[in-house]
């Protein structure tokens, strides 16, 4: 394996490292992701159970069709995980925010943003 220069390591870091940009603490994802997966599954099971309980009892063609229709009409609840953003994009957004708030000068900030964009666009 060839040795990488510090510049190459930084470019790869900006492109491949990820950061949580959803707005919550990155450590809380350990608990929130499983919780978010559980909630819609639980709601779907509860709804199915309620519909089937209403149709329980003696065999009735109308009740059976009604229950089946109620189950098929509404789409099941689901949850999708958002992937984290690349480190280069996060740093670029931070710099843009600092320029907008007047924390950093516009010329210096623009130069830094340009350097980050150049690092992200170089071929691997």
PDB file of N, CA and C in Angstrom:
ATOM      1  N   UNK A   1       0.840  -1.182   0.000  1.00  0.00           N
ATOM      2  CA  UNK A   1       0.000   0.000   0.000  1.00  0.00           C
ATOM      3  C   UNK A   1       0.886   1.246   0.000  1.00  0.00           C
ATOM      4  N   UNK A   2       0.567   2.204  -0.881  1.00  0.00           N
ATOM      5  CA  UNK A   2       1.402   3.406  -0.971  1.00  0.00           C
ATOM      6  C   UNK A   2       1.098   4.365   0.170  1.00  0.00           C
ATOM      7  N   UNK A   3       2.091   5.146   0.509  1.00  0.00           N
ATOM      8  CA  UNK A   3       1.913   6.153   1.553  1.00  0.00           C
ATOM      9  C   UNK A   3       1.180   7.350   0.988  1.00  0.00           C
ATOM     10  N   UNK A   4       0.300   7.907   1.794  1.00  0.00           N
ATOM     11  CA  UNK A   4      -0.451   9.090   1.371  1.00  0.00           C
ATOM     12  C   UNK A   4       0.172  10.341   1.969  1.00  0.00           C
ATOM     13  N   UNK A   5       0.162  11.401   1.188  1.00  0.00           N
ATOM     14  CA  UNK A   5       0.669  12.677   1.678  1.00  0.00           C
ATOM     15  C   UNK A   5      -0.379  13.298   2.601  1.00  0.00           C
ATOM     16  N   UNK A   6       0.012  14.235   3.443  1.00  0.00           N
ATOM     17  CA  UNK A   6      -0.974  14.894   4.314  1.00  0.00           C
ATOM     18  C   UNK A   6      -2.095  15.571   3.522  1.00  0.00           C
ATOM     19  N   UNK A   7      -1.764  16.122   2.344  1.00  0.00           N
ATOM     20  CA  UNK A   7      -2.785  16.767   1.521  1.00  0.00           C
ATOM     21  C   UNK A   7      -3.808  15.746   1.019  1.00  0.00           C
ATOM     22  N   UNK A   8      -3.306  14.579   0.605  1.00  0.00           N
ATOM     23  CA  UNK A   8      -4.208  13.514   0.126  1.00  0.00           C
ATOM     24  C   UNK A   8      -5.087  13.007   1.271  1.00  0.00           C
ATOM     25  N   UNK A   9      -4.503  12.863   2.467  1.00  0.00           N
ATOM     26  CA  UNK A   9      -5.278  12.424   3.633  1.00  0.00           C
ATOM     27  C   UNK A   9      -6.392  13.414   3.950  1.00  0.00           C
ATOM     28  N   UNK A  10      -6.087  14.718   3.858  1.00  0.00           N
ATOM     29  CA  UNK A  10      -7.092  15.737   4.160  1.00  0.00           C
ATOM     30  C   UNK A  10      -8.205  15.711   3.121  1.00  0.00           C
ATOM     31  N   UNK A  11      -7.832  15.564   1.841  1.00  0.00           N
ATOM     32  CA  UNK A  11      -8.829  15.506   0.784  1.00  0.00           C
ATOM     33  C   UNK A  11      -9.757  14.307   0.987  1.00  0.00           C
ATOM     34  N   UNK A  12      -9.185  13.152   1.311  1.00  0.00           N
ATOM     35  CA  UNK A  12     -10.000  11.962   1.561  1.00  0.00           C
ATOM     36  C   UNK A  12     -10.887  12.152   2.791  1.00  0.00           C
ATOM     37  N   UNK A  13     -10.342  12.818   3.815  1.00  0.00           N
ATOM     38  CA  UNK A  13     -11.125  13.066   5.022  1.00  0.00           C
ATOM     39  C   UNK A  13     -12.334  13.944   4.719  1.00  0.00           C
ATOM     40  N   UNK A  14     -12.126  15.014   3.948  1.00  0.00           N
ATOM     41  CA  UNK A  14     -13.234  15.903   3.577  1.00  0.00           C
ATOM     42  C   UNK A  14     -14.292  15.162   2.769  1.00  0.00           C
ATOM     43  N   UNK A  15     -13.877  14.234   1.938  1.00  0.00           N
ATOM     44  CA  UNK A  15     -14.822  13.534   1.062  1.00  0.00           C
ATOM     45  C   UNK A  15     -15.518  12.370   1.762  1.00  0.00           C
ATOM     46  N   UNK A  16     -14.790  11.633   2.613  1.00  0.00           N
ATOM     47  CA  UNK A  16     -15.341  10.379   3.138  1.00  0.00           C
ATOM     48  C   UNK A  16     -15.846  10.448   4.577  1.00  0.00           C
ATOM     49  N   UNK A  17     -15.245  11.302   5.410  1.00  0.00           N
ATOM     50  CA  UNK A  17     -15.708  11.408   6.794  1.00  0.00           C
ATOM     51  C   UNK A  17     -17.100  12.021   6.802  1.00  0.00           C
ATOM     52  N   UNK A  18     -17.939  11.578   7.707  1.00  0.00           N
ATOM     53  CA  UNK A  18     -19.319  12.056   7.768  1.00  0.00           C
ATOM     54  C   UNK A  18     -19.580  12.707   9.117  1.00  0.00           C
ATOM     55  N   UNK A  19     -20.493  13.685   9.108  1.00  0.00           N
ATOM     56  CA  UNK A  19     -20.915  14.351  10.343  1.00  0.00           C
ATOM     57  C   UNK A  19     -22.427  14.451  10.371  1.00  0.00           C
ATOM     58  N   UNK A  20     -22.990  14.393  11.560  1.00  0.00           N
ATOM     59  CA  UNK A  20     -24.428  14.493  11.748  1.00  0.00           C
ATOM     60  C   UNK A  20     -24.862  15.933  11.505  1.00  0.00           C
ATOM     61  N   UNK A  21     -25.690  16.147  10.480  1.00  0.00           N
ATOM     62  CA  UNK A  21     -26.176  17.503  10.206  1.00  0.00           C
ATOM     63  C   UNK A  21     -27.674  17.615  10.445  1.00  0.00           C
ATOM     64  N   UNK A  22     -28.229  16.630  11.115  1.00  0.00           N
ATOM     65  CA  UNK A  22     -29.669  16.616  11.368  1.00  0.00           C
ATOM     66  C   UNK A  22     -30.043  17.603  12.469  1.00  0.00           C
ATOM     67  N   UNK A  23     -29.094  17.936  13.318  1.00  0.00           N
ATOM     68  CA  UNK A  23     -29.351  18.931  14.345  1.00  0.00           C
ATOM     69  C   UNK A  23     -29.445  18.355  15.740  1.00  0.00           C
ATOM     70  N   UNK A  24     -29.241  17.060  15.882  1.00  0.00           N
ATOM     71  CA  UNK A  24     -29.284  16.480  17.220  1.00  0.00           C
ATOM     72  C   UNK A  24     -27.881  16.024  17.605  1.00  0.00           C
ATOM     73  N   UNK A  25     -27.705  15.735  18.870  1.00  0.00           N
ATOM     74  CA  UNK A  25     -26.438  15.247  19.378  1.00  0.00           C
ATOM     75  C   UNK A  25     -26.099  13.936  18.676  1.00  0.00           C
ATOM     76  N   UNK A  26     -24.852  13.788  18.214  1.00  0.00           N
ATOM     77  CA  UNK A  26     -24.484  12.582  17.485  1.00  0.00           C
ATOM     78  C   UNK A  26     -24.514  11.334  18.372  1.00  0.00           C
ATOM     79  N   UNK A  27     -24.303  11.502  19.662  1.00  0.00           N
ATOM     80  CA  UNK A  27     -24.341  10.349  20.574  1.00  0.00           C
ATOM     81  C   UNK A  27     -25.774   9.858  20.799  1.00  0.00           C
ATOM     82  N   UNK A  28     -26.750  10.766  20.660  1.00  0.00           N
ATOM     83  CA  UNK A  28     -28.142  10.372  20.921  1.00  0.00           C
ATOM     84  C   UNK A  28     -28.684   9.448  19.837  1.00  0.00           C
ATOM     85  N   UNK A  29     -27.991   9.362  18.709  1.00  0.00           N
ATOM     86  CA  UNK A  29     -28.452   8.489  17.622  1.00  0.00           C
ATOM     87  C   UNK A  29     -28.489   7.031  18.056  1.00  0.00           C
ATOM     88  N   UNK A  30     -27.620   6.649  18.999  1.00  0.00           N
ATOM     89  CA  UNK A  30     -27.625   5.264  19.492  1.00  0.00           C
ATOM     90  C   UNK A  30     -28.995   4.872  20.027  1.00  0.00           C
ATOM     91  N   UNK A  31     -29.670   5.824  20.692  1.00  0.00           N
ATOM     92  CA  UNK A  31     -30.989   5.533  21.255  1.00  0.00           C
ATOM     93  C   UNK A  31     -32.110   5.927  20.300  1.00  0.00           C
ATOM     94  N   UNK A  32     -31.949   7.038  19.589  1.00  0.00           N
ATOM     95  CA  UNK A  32     -33.040   7.558  18.762  1.00  0.00           C
ATOM     96  C   UNK A  32     -33.304   6.750  17.503  1.00  0.00           C
ATOM     97  N   UNK A  33     -32.275   6.157  16.897  1.00  0.00           N
ATOM     98  CA  UNK A  33     -32.508   5.365  15.687  1.00  0.00           C
ATOM     99  C   UNK A  33     -33.343   4.128  16.008  1.00  0.00           C
ATOM    100  N   UNK A  34     -32.977   3.315  16.999  1.00  0.00           N
ATOM    101  CA  UNK A  34     -33.840   2.166  17.324  1.00  0.00           C
ATOM    102  C   UNK A  34     -35.248   2.587  17.768  1.00  0.00           C
ATOM    103  N   UNK A  35     -35.347   3.696  18.499  1.00  0.00           N
ATOM    104  CA  UNK A  35     -36.652   4.186  18.944  1.00  0.00           C
ATOM    105  C   UNK A  35     -37.510   4.587  17.745  1.00  0.00           C
ATOM    106  N   UNK A  36     -36.896   5.242  16.784  1.00  0.00           N
ATOM    107  CA  UNK A  36     -37.631   5.685  15.599  1.00  0.00           C
ATOM    108  C   UNK A  36     -38.048   4.519  14.720  1.00  0.00           C
ATOM    109  N   UNK A  37     -37.273   3.444  14.730  1.00  0.00           N
ATOM    110  CA  UNK A  37     -37.656   2.251  13.970  1.00  0.00           C
ATOM    111  C   UNK A  37     -38.815   1.525  14.666  1.00  0.00           C
ATOM    112  N   UNK A  38     -38.782   1.535  15.994  1.00  0.00           N
ATOM    113  CA  UNK A  38     -39.800   0.815  16.775  1.00  0.00           C
ATOM    114  C   UNK A  38     -41.175   1.432  16.655  1.00  0.00           C
ATOM    115  N   UNK A  39     -41.255   2.747  16.701  1.00  0.00           N
ATOM    116  CA  UNK A  39     -42.546   3.431  16.792  1.00  0.00           C
ATOM    117  C   UNK A  39     -43.490   3.115  15.636  1.00  0.00           C
ATOM    118  N   UNK A  40     -43.085   3.206  14.375  1.00  0.00           N
ATOM    119  CA  UNK A  40     -44.037   2.897  13.303  1.00  0.00           C
ATOM    120  C   UNK A  40     -44.419   1.421  13.262  1.00  0.00           C
ATOM    121  N   UNK A  41     -43.482   0.536  13.594  1.00  0.00           N
ATOM    122  CA  UNK A  41     -43.823  -0.892  13.626  1.00  0.00           C
ATOM    123  C   UNK A  41     -44.887  -1.167  14.680  1.00  0.00           C
ATOM    124  N   UNK A  42     -44.710  -0.539  15.851  1.00  0.00           N
ATOM    125  CA  UNK A  42     -45.680  -0.714  16.924  1.00  0.00           C
ATOM    126  C   UNK A  42     -47.052  -0.180  16.507  1.00  0.00           C
ATOM    127  N   UNK A  43     -47.080   0.985  15.853  1.00  0.00           N
ATOM    128  CA  UNK A  43     -48.347   1.570  15.400  1.00  0.00           C
ATOM    129  C   UNK A  43     -49.027   0.674  14.364  1.00  0.00           C
ATOM    130  N   UNK A  44     -48.243   0.097  13.456  1.00  0.00           N
ATOM    131  CA  UNK A  44     -48.812  -0.798  12.442  1.00  0.00           C
ATOM    132  C   UNK A  44     -49.393  -2.059  13.077  1.00  0.00           C
ATOM    133  N   UNK A  45     -48.665  -2.626  14.051  1.00  0.00           N
ATOM    134  CA  UNK A  45     -49.176  -3.830  14.729  1.00  0.00           C
ATOM    135  C   UNK A  45     -50.462  -3.514  15.484  1.00  0.00           C
ATOM    136  N   UNK A  46     -50.485  -2.369  16.161  1.00  0.00           N
ATOM    137  CA  UNK A  46     -51.670  -1.988  16.935  1.00  0.00           C
ATOM    138  C   UNK A  46     -52.878  -1.803  16.030  1.00  0.00           C
ATOM    139  N   UNK A  47     -52.691  -1.108  14.910  1.00  0.00           N
ATOM    140  CA  UNK A  47     -53.794  -0.861  13.977  1.00  0.00           C
ATOM    141  C   UNK A  47     -54.332  -2.180  13.406  1.00  0.00           C
ATOM    142  N   UNK A  48     -53.419  -3.064  13.004  1.00  0.00           N
ATOM    143  CA  UNK A  48     -53.833  -4.369  12.469  1.00  0.00           C
ATOM    144  C   UNK A  48     -54.609  -5.149  13.514  1.00  0.00           C
ATOM    145  N   UNK A  49     -54.109  -5.137  14.739  1.00  0.00           N
ATOM    146  CA  UNK A  49     -54.788  -5.865  15.813  1.00  0.00           C
ATOM    147  C   UNK A  49     -56.197  -5.300  16.053  1.00  0.00           C
ATOM    148  N   UNK A  50     -56.329  -3.966  16.051  1.00  0.00           N
ATOM    149  CA  UNK A  50     -57.642  -3.353  16.274  1.00  0.00           C
ATOM    150  C   UNK A  50     -58.631  -3.717  15.178  1.00  0.00           C
ATOM    151  N   UNK A  51     -58.183  -3.697  13.924  1.00  0.00           N
ATOM    152  CA  UNK A  51     -59.074  -4.021  12.806  1.00  0.00           C
ATOM    153  C   UNK A  51     -59.497  -5.479  12.875  1.00  0.00           C
ATOM    154  N   UNK A  52     -58.558  -6.364  13.190  1.00  0.00           N
ATOM    155  CA  UNK A  52     -58.878  -7.792  13.252  1.00  0.00           C
ATOM    156  C   UNK A  52     -59.758  -8.116  14.461  1.00  0.00           C
ATOM    157  N   UNK A  53     -59.564  -7.412  15.573  1.00  0.00           N
ATOM    158  CA  UNK A  53     -60.425  -7.615  16.744  1.00  0.00           C
ATOM    159  C   UNK A  53     -61.865  -7.223  16.441  1.00  0.00           C
ATOM    160  N   UNK A  54     -62.046  -6.150  15.643  1.00  0.00           N
ATOM    161  CA  UNK A  54     -63.395  -5.711  15.290  1.00  0.00           C
ATOM    162  C   UNK A  54     -64.107  -6.739  14.422  1.00  0.00           C
ATOM    163  N   UNK A  55     -63.335  -7.506  13.651  1.00  0.00           N
ATOM    164  CA  UNK A  55     -63.929  -8.497  12.760  1.00  0.00           C
ATOM    165  C   UNK A  55     -64.022  -9.874  13.407  1.00  0.00           C
ATOM    166  N   UNK A  56     -63.587 -10.018  14.664  1.00  0.00           N
ATOM    167  CA  UNK A  56     -63.602 -11.319  15.336  1.00  0.00           C
ATOM    168  C   UNK A  56     -65.035 -11.748  15.656  1.00  0.00           C
ATOM    169  N   UNK A  57     -65.204 -13.027  15.802  1.00  0.00           N
ATOM    170  CA  UNK A  57     -66.528 -13.548  16.139  1.00  0.00           C
ATOM    171  C   UNK A  57     -66.982 -14.535  15.081  1.00  0.00           C
ATOM    172  N   UNK A  58     -68.290 -14.655  14.949  1.00  0.00           N
ATOM    173  CA  UNK A  58     -68.857 -15.593  13.968  1.00  0.00           C
ATOM    174  C   UNK A  58     -68.453 -15.163  12.557  1.00  0.00           C
ATOM    175  N   UNK A  59     -68.386 -16.168  11.657  1.00  0.00           N
ATOM    176  CA  UNK A  59     -67.982 -15.888  10.280  1.00  0.00           C
ATOM    177  C   UNK A  59     -69.050 -15.034   9.611  1.00  0.00           C
ATOM    178  N   UNK A  60     -68.612 -13.857   9.184  1.00  0.00           N
ATOM    179  CA  UNK A  60     -69.520 -12.917   8.526  1.00  0.00           C
ATOM    180  C   UNK A  60     -68.788 -12.356   7.316  1.00  0.00           C
ATOM    181  N   UNK A  61     -69.323 -12.617   6.153  1.00  0.00           N
ATOM    182  CA  UNK A  61     -68.670 -12.213   4.900  1.00  0.00           C
ATOM    183  C   UNK A  61     -68.489 -10.690   4.835  1.00  0.00           C
ATOM    184  N   UNK A  62     -69.477  -9.938   5.256  1.00  0.00           N
ATOM    185  CA  UNK A  62     -69.415  -8.480   5.191  1.00  0.00           C
ATOM    186  C   UNK A  62     -68.332  -7.951   6.138  1.00  0.00           C
ATOM    187  N   UNK A  63     -68.285  -8.468   7.362  1.00  0.00           N
ATOM    188  CA  UNK A  63     -67.281  -8.023   8.334  1.00  0.00           C
ATOM    189  C   UNK A  63     -65.878  -8.378   7.846  1.00  0.00           C
ATOM    190  N   UNK A  64     -65.757  -9.549   7.219  1.00  0.00           N
ATOM    191  CA  UNK A  64     -64.456  -9.979   6.705  1.00  0.00           C
ATOM    192  C   UNK A  64     -63.972  -9.042   5.596  1.00  0.00           C
ATOM    193  N   UNK A  65     -64.863  -8.705   4.680  1.00  0.00           N
ATOM    194  CA  UNK A  65     -64.494  -7.812   3.581  1.00  0.00           C
ATOM    195  C   UNK A  65     -64.188  -6.400   4.089  1.00  0.00           C
ATOM    196  N   UNK A  66     -64.956  -5.949   5.058  1.00  0.00           N
ATOM    197  CA  UNK A  66     -64.725  -4.625   5.634  1.00  0.00           C
ATOM    198  C   UNK A  66     -63.356  -4.555   6.300  1.00  0.00           C
ATOM    199  N   UNK A  67     -63.016  -5.593   7.076  1.00  0.00           N
ATOM    200  CA  UNK A  67     -61.727  -5.618   7.763  1.00  0.00           C
ATOM    201  C   UNK A  67     -60.578  -5.656   6.757  1.00  0.00           C
ATOM    202  N   UNK A  68     -60.727  -6.479   5.730  1.00  0.00           N
ATOM    203  CA  UNK A  68     -59.674  -6.583   4.725  1.00  0.00           C
ATOM    204  C   UNK A  68     -59.490  -5.245   3.990  1.00  0.00           C
ATOM    205  N   UNK A  69     -60.594  -4.591   3.685  1.00  0.00           N
ATOM    206  CA  UNK A  69     -60.534  -3.302   2.992  1.00  0.00           C
ATOM    207  C   UNK A  69     -59.859  -2.252   3.869  1.00  0.00           C
ATOM    208  N   UNK A  70     -60.204  -2.234   5.152  1.00  0.00           N
ATOM    209  CA  UNK A  70     -59.611  -1.261   6.063  1.00  0.00           C
ATOM    210  C   UNK A  70     -58.102  -1.474   6.206  1.00  0.00           C
ATOM    211  N   UNK A  71     -57.674  -2.751   6.144  1.00  0.00           N
ATOM    212  CA  UNK A  71     -56.246  -3.026   6.262  1.00  0.00           C
ATOM    213  C   UNK A  71     -55.483  -2.604   5.006  1.00  0.00           C
ATOM    214  N   UNK A  72     -56.115  -2.758   3.855  1.00  0.00           N
ATOM    215  CA  UNK A  72     -55.424  -2.478   2.598  1.00  0.00           C
ATOM    216  C   UNK A  72     -55.489  -1.015   2.171  1.00  0.00           C
ATOM    217  N   UNK A  73     -56.463  -0.261   2.693  1.00  0.00           N
ATOM    218  CA  UNK A  73     -56.656   1.116   2.242  1.00  0.00           C
ATOM    219  C   UNK A  73     -55.512   2.013   2.684  1.00  0.00           C
ATOM    220  N   UNK A  74     -55.188   2.004   3.951  1.00  0.00           N
ATOM    221  CA  UNK A  74     -54.185   2.928   4.474  1.00  0.00           C
ATOM    222  C   UNK A  74     -52.788   2.334   4.335  1.00  0.00           C
ATOM    223  N   UNK A  75     -51.845   3.182   3.927  1.00  0.00           N
ATOM    224  CA  UNK A  75     -50.459   2.755   3.789  1.00  0.00           C
ATOM    225  C   UNK A  75     -49.828   2.574   5.169  1.00  0.00           C
ATOM    226  N   UNK A  76     -48.949   1.606   5.288  1.00  0.00           N
ATOM    227  CA  UNK A  76     -48.286   1.364   6.553  1.00  0.00           C
ATOM    228  C   UNK A  76     -47.332   2.510   6.882  1.00  0.00           C
ATOM    229  N   UNK A  77     -47.178   2.782   8.178  1.00  0.00           N
ATOM    230  CA  UNK A  77     -46.243   3.807   8.611  1.00  0.00           C
ATOM    231  C   UNK A  77     -44.822   3.254   8.490  1.00  0.00           C
ATOM    232  N   UNK A  78     -43.883   4.134   8.182  1.00  0.00           N
ATOM    233  CA  UNK A  78     -42.491   3.708   8.073  1.00  0.00           C
ATOM    234  C   UNK A  78     -41.577   4.844   8.502  1.00  0.00           C
ATOM    235  N   UNK A  79     -40.310   4.519   8.646  1.00  0.00           N
ATOM    236  CA  UNK A  79     -39.305   5.498   9.032  1.00  0.00           C
ATOM    237  C   UNK A  79     -38.025   5.193   8.278  1.00  0.00           C
ATOM    238  N   UNK A  80     -37.380   6.211   7.745  1.00  0.00           N
ATOM    239  CA  UNK A  80     -36.116   6.054   7.026  1.00  0.00           C
ATOM    240  C   UNK A  80     -35.028   6.844   7.733  1.00  0.00           C
ATOM    241  N   UNK A  81     -33.859   6.268   7.804  1.00  0.00           N
ATOM    242  CA  UNK A  81     -32.721   6.920   8.424  1.00  0.00           C
ATOM    243  C   UNK A  81     -32.079   7.879   7.416  1.00  0.00           C
ATOM    244  N   UNK A  82     -31.699   9.074   7.872  1.00  0.00           N
ATOM    245  CA  UNK A  82     -30.996  10.036   7.018  1.00  0.00           C
ATOM    246  C   UNK A  82     -29.516   9.773   7.144  1.00  0.00           C
ATOM    247  N   UNK A  83     -28.827   9.788   6.006  1.00  0.00           N
ATOM    248  CA  UNK A  83     -27.389   9.588   6.108  1.00  0.00           C
ATOM    249  C   UNK A  83     -26.712  10.907   6.485  1.00  0.00           C
ATOM    250  N   UNK A  84     -25.569  10.797   7.130  1.00  0.00           N
ATOM    251  CA  UNK A  84     -24.839  11.983   7.558  1.00  0.00           C
ATOM    252  C   UNK A  84     -24.163  12.648   6.364  1.00  0.00           C
ATOM    253  N   UNK A  85     -23.841  13.911   6.506  1.00  0.00           N
ATOM    254  CA  UNK A  85     -23.259  14.695   5.414  1.00  0.00           C
ATOM    255  C   UNK A  85     -21.734  14.574   5.425  1.00  0.00           C
ATOM    256  N   UNK A  86     -21.094  14.700   4.257  1.00  0.00           N
ATOM    257  CA  UNK A  86     -19.627  14.678   4.207  1.00  0.00           C
ATOM    258  C   UNK A  86     -19.040  15.852   4.985  1.00  0.00           C
ATOM    259  N   UNK A  87     -17.883  15.627   5.571  1.00  0.00           N
ATOM    260  CA  UNK A  87     -17.227  16.643   6.402  1.00  0.00           C
ATOM    261  C   UNK A  87     -16.961  17.922   5.615  1.00  0.00           C
ATOM    262  N   UNK A  88     -16.571  17.808   4.347  1.00  0.00           N
ATOM    263  CA  UNK A  88     -16.291  18.991   3.531  1.00  0.00           C
ATOM    264  C   UNK A  88     -17.500  19.899   3.401  1.00  0.00           C
ATOM    265  N   UNK A  89     -18.676  19.316   3.207  1.00  0.00           N
ATOM    266  CA  UNK A  89     -19.905  20.121   3.100  1.00  0.00           C
ATOM    267  C   UNK A  89     -20.223  20.816   4.410  1.00  0.00           C
ATOM    268  N   UNK A  90     -20.035  20.113   5.516  1.00  0.00           N
ATOM    269  CA  UNK A  90     -20.321  20.686   6.842  1.00  0.00           C
ATOM    270  C   UNK A  90     -19.415  21.892   7.094  1.00  0.00           C
ATOM    271  N   UNK A  91     -18.120  21.750   6.808  1.00  0.00           N
ATOM    272  CA  UNK A  91     -17.177  22.852   7.035  1.00  0.00           C
ATOM    273  C   UNK A  91     -17.520  24.028   6.131  1.00  0.00           C
ATOM    274  N   UNK A  92     -17.880  23.736   4.894  1.00  0.00           N
ATOM    275  CA  UNK A  92     -18.249  24.796   3.953  1.00  0.00           C
ATOM    276  C   UNK A  92     -19.472  25.565   4.453  1.00  0.00           C
ATOM    277  N   UNK A  93     -20.490  24.859   4.957  1.00  0.00           N
ATOM    278  CA  UNK A  93     -21.685  25.519   5.491  1.00  0.00           C
ATOM    279  C   UNK A  93     -21.346  26.375   6.714  1.00  0.00           C
ATOM    280  N   UNK A  94     -20.459  25.878   7.562  1.00  0.00           N
ATOM    281  CA  UNK A  94     -20.055  26.645   8.746  1.00  0.00           C
ATOM    282  C   UNK A  94     -19.361  27.942   8.353  1.00  0.00           C
ATOM    283  N   UNK A  95     -18.478  27.841   7.366  1.00  0.00           N
ATOM    284  CA  UNK A  95     -17.767  29.040   6.915  1.00  0.00           C
ATOM    285  C   UNK A  95     -18.735  30.048   6.305  1.00  0.00           C
ATOM    286  N   UNK A  96     -19.688  29.567   5.502  1.00  0.00           N
ATOM    287  CA  UNK A  96     -20.684  30.468   4.910  1.00  0.00           C
ATOM    288  C   UNK A  96     -21.498  31.162   5.996  1.00  0.00           C
ATOM    289  N   UNK A  97     -21.843  30.435   7.044  1.00  0.00           N
ATOM    290  CA  UNK A  97     -22.602  31.009   8.156  1.00  0.00           C
ATOM    291  C   UNK A  97     -21.775  32.070   8.882  1.00  0.00           C
ATOM    292  N   UNK A  98     -20.481  31.791   9.093  1.00  0.00           N
ATOM    293  CA  UNK A  98     -19.613  32.752   9.775  1.00  0.00           C
ATOM    294  C   UNK A  98     -19.468  34.034   8.969  1.00  0.00           C
ATOM    295  N   UNK A  99     -19.407  33.904   7.646  1.00  0.00           N
ATOM    296  CA  UNK A  99     -19.325  35.101   6.790  1.00  0.00           C
ATOM    297  C   UNK A  99     -20.631  35.885   6.894  1.00  0.00           C
ATOM    298  N   UNK A 100     -21.755  35.171   6.826  1.00  0.00           N
ATOM    299  CA  UNK A 100     -23.074  35.822   6.873  1.00  0.00           C
ATOM    300  C   UNK A 100     -23.279  36.567   8.194  1.00  0.00           C
ATOM    301  N   UNK A 101     -22.785  36.006   9.300  1.00  0.00           N
ATOM    302  CA  UNK A 101     -22.953  36.635  10.608  1.00  0.00           C
ATOM    303  C   UNK A 101     -21.905  37.711  10.889  1.00  0.00           C
ATOM    304  N   UNK A 102     -20.905  37.823  10.012  1.00  0.00           N
ATOM    305  CA  UNK A 102     -19.870  38.831  10.201  1.00  0.00           C
ATOM    306  C   UNK A 102     -18.765  38.391  11.138  1.00  0.00           C
ATOM    307  N   UNK A 103     -18.691  37.125  11.450  1.00  0.00           N
ATOM    308  CA  UNK A 103     -17.646  36.615  12.334  1.00  0.00           C
ATOM    309  C   UNK A 103     -16.315  36.555  11.588  1.00  0.00           C
ATOM    310  N   UNK A 104     -16.385  36.261  10.296  1.00  0.00           N
ATOM    311  CA  UNK A 104     -15.185  36.157   9.477  1.00  0.00           C
ATOM    312  C   UNK A 104     -15.306  37.108   8.290  1.00  0.00           C
ATOM    313  N   UNK A 105     -14.170  37.652   7.866  1.00  0.00           N
ATOM    314  CA  UNK A 105     -14.209  38.578   6.727  1.00  0.00           C
ATOM    315  C   UNK A 105     -14.610  37.827   5.459  1.00  0.00           C
ATOM    316  N   UNK A 106     -15.243  38.553   4.576  1.00  0.00           N
ATOM    317  CA  UNK A 106     -15.774  37.923   3.373  1.00  0.00           C
ATOM    318  C   UNK A 106     -14.667  37.416   2.457  1.00  0.00           C
ATOM    319  N   UNK A 107     -13.588  38.175   2.323  1.00  0.00           N
ATOM    320  CA  UNK A 107     -12.511  37.763   1.418  1.00  0.00           C
ATOM    321  C   UNK A 107     -11.784  36.533   1.949  1.00  0.00           C
ATOM    322  N   UNK A 108     -11.474  36.530   3.230  1.00  0.00           N
ATOM    323  CA  UNK A 108     -10.768  35.388   3.824  1.00  0.00           C
ATOM    324  C   UNK A 108     -11.657  34.147   3.809  1.00  0.00           C
ATOM    325  N   UNK A 109     -12.915  34.320   4.153  1.00  0.00           N
ATOM    326  CA  UNK A 109     -13.846  33.196   4.162  1.00  0.00           C
ATOM    327  C   UNK A 109     -14.063  32.621   2.775  1.00  0.00           C
ATOM    328  N   UNK A 110     -14.178  33.497   1.773  1.00  0.00           N
ATOM    329  CA  UNK A 110     -14.369  33.033   0.395  1.00  0.00           C
ATOM    330  C   UNK A 110     -13.154  32.237  -0.067  1.00  0.00           C
ATOM    331  N   UNK A 111     -11.956  32.679   0.321  1.00  0.00           N
ATOM    332  CA  UNK A 111     -10.736  31.960  -0.054  1.00  0.00           C
ATOM    333  C   UNK A 111     -10.718  30.568   0.584  1.00  0.00           C
ATOM    334  N   UNK A 112     -11.113  30.488   1.847  1.00  0.00           N
ATOM    335  CA  UNK A 112     -11.139  29.187   2.537  1.00  0.00           C
ATOM    336  C   UNK A 112     -12.165  28.256   1.921  1.00  0.00           C
ATOM    337  N   UNK A 113     -13.332  28.783   1.575  1.00  0.00           N
ATOM    338  CA  UNK A 113     -14.369  27.967   0.932  1.00  0.00           C
ATOM    339  C   UNK A 113     -13.874  27.461  -0.422  1.00  0.00           C
ATOM    340  N   UNK A 114     -13.175  28.331  -1.154  1.00  0.00           N
ATOM    341  CA  UNK A 114     -12.641  27.939  -2.463  1.00  0.00           C
ATOM    342  C   UNK A 114     -11.634  26.792  -2.318  1.00  0.00           C
ATOM    343  N   UNK A 115     -10.775  26.855  -1.287  1.00  0.00           N
ATOM    344  CA  UNK A 115      -9.802  25.778  -1.048  1.00  0.00           C
ATOM    345  C   UNK A 115     -10.501  24.458  -0.742  1.00  0.00           C
ATOM    346  N   UNK A 116     -11.572  24.523   0.044  1.00  0.00           N
ATOM    347  CA  UNK A 116     -12.310  23.301   0.377  1.00  0.00           C
ATOM    348  C   UNK A 116     -12.938  22.720  -0.877  1.00  0.00           C
ATOM    349  N   UNK A 117     -13.533  23.565  -1.710  1.00  0.00           N
ATOM    350  CA  UNK A 117     -14.160  23.090  -2.962  1.00  0.00           C
ATOM    351  C   UNK A 117     -13.112  22.451  -3.867  1.00  0.00           C
ATOM    352  N   UNK A 118     -11.917  23.033  -3.937  1.00  0.00           N
ATOM    353  CA  UNK A 118     -10.860  22.454  -4.772  1.00  0.00           C
ATOM    354  C   UNK A 118     -10.457  21.086  -4.253  1.00  0.00           C
ATOM    355  N   UNK A 119     -10.343  20.950  -2.941  1.00  0.00           N
ATOM    356  CA  UNK A 119      -9.971  19.648  -2.367  1.00  0.00           C
ATOM    357  C   UNK A 119     -11.022  18.592  -2.641  1.00  0.00           C
ATOM    358  N   UNK A 120     -12.291  18.990  -2.630  1.00  0.00           N
ATOM    359  CA  UNK A 120     -13.359  18.019  -2.847  1.00  0.00           C
ATOM    360  C   UNK A 120     -13.463  17.599  -4.310  1.00  0.00           C
ATOM    361  N   UNK A 121     -13.030  18.450  -5.252  1.00  0.00           N
ATOM    362  CA  UNK A 121     -13.210  18.150  -6.664  1.00  0.00           C
ATOM    363  C   UNK A 121     -12.028  17.432  -7.299  1.00  0.00           C
ATOM    364  N   UNK A 122     -10.935  17.285  -6.622  1.00  0.00           N
ATOM    365  CA  UNK A 122      -9.773  16.610  -7.206  1.00  0.00           C
ATOM    366  C   UNK A 122     -10.075  15.143  -7.437  1.00  0.00           C
ATOM    367  N   UNK A 123      -9.590  14.570  -8.545  1.00  0.00           N
ATOM    368  CA  UNK A 123      -9.810  13.144  -8.805  1.00  0.00           C
ATOM    369  C   UNK A 123      -9.049  12.278  -7.820  1.00  0.00           C
ATOM    370  N   UNK A 124      -9.610  11.123  -7.510  1.00  0.00           N
ATOM    371  CA  UNK A 124      -8.993  10.221  -6.520  1.00  0.00           C
ATOM    372  C   UNK A 124      -7.804   9.483  -7.082  1.00  0.00           C
TER     373      UNK A 124
END
